[in-house]
Amino acid sequence: MKKMILVGIVISFMSFATVSLAGTVGNIAETQGGLGKFSLGIEYDGVFDRDLDFDSGSHSINIPVSESEPIPDPGESIKDAEFESNRIFAKGTLGLHPNFDIFVKLGAADADTEFKTVGAGASEKTEFDGDWDFAWGIGAKAKLYESSSGIRIMADAQYLWCEVDGDVDIDGKDLAENYKEELLYEGATSATISYDAEAEIQEWQVALYVNKTIGMFSPYAGVKYSDIDAEFDADIDGRITVPVGAAIIIGSPYSAKIETNFEADDNFGVFLGTDIYVIPDILSFNIEGRFVDETALTLGLNWKF
């Protein structure tokens, strides 16, 4: 059953990587400037590359004898994990003080992911094709200091959450087909398999940056720290025909459950961007790039009321 454990690693990792959310710092970089002032915005966030680390996991099966083993097996490892993701958010920001805002993000996310599982001289490539799923976030922004020349020191903190469903391929074959092949290899004469996979992703991020308004531009740059907690569950169900002695059991129930946790490979990153005011102090366009811990680009629009 070692290959079944390997399959478990594959699907759990890929589902986590599906939406490893990271927060846009700008759009807008400044605070609203007063109690009750607010703005509404929309942003597209594209993550082109981010690396992740496997933390812990377990895999249990019932065919019908129950057994459970940790993920991964001794001598096995997960390597070269990469993913791409697209997210669209609507963002509402409310000023509580001239130097302090709170905001909420509502939207959706998808992702494509791949990685390799290596062990005993063999390697398997796994690809995850994620669906669009609901995502949300909350956060706060504060102006810590502003010089007489208009240079601001800003801080941003936010929490993001998402659940993602999707399809998994292992070396070009669907996860259910991989389970079926392994069951037949283990002695079943026929098998019908289906699965439901879900990843719950939580991310915390804090950022410190410098910002200044120069004409219609409001550029900013800084550093950030982010941490990710990803809990993944996959439920595999089906029925198999198995020989038991001289008899054959038809339609014997089969089930498996995978539970895993993942974390970010890199926690520290840098970012830079600018707000461009199309209508001064009202309508702005934002562009932002994030590097080191991830390679990402954000485009946004924001309307201040």
Foldseek 3Di string as FASTA:
>chain_A
DLVVLVLLVQQQVQQQQWDQDDDDCPPPVAALQAAFWKKKKKKKKKFPWFDWAFDWKKKWKPLPDIDIDIPDDPQKDKDDKIKIKMWMWMKMWGDRGRFKIKMKIKTKMGMKIWTWMDGPNDIKIKIKGWDIWIKMKIWMKGFPDADPVFKTKIKIKMKIKTKIWTWMDINRHTSQVVVQVVVVVVAFPGKDKDKTKMKIKMKIKMWIKMWGDDPQKIKMKTKMFMKMKMKIKMKMWIFTWGDDVPDIDGRRIIIMMMITIMMGPDGMKMKIWMWGHPPPSAKTWIWMFIDDNTTMIMTMIMGID
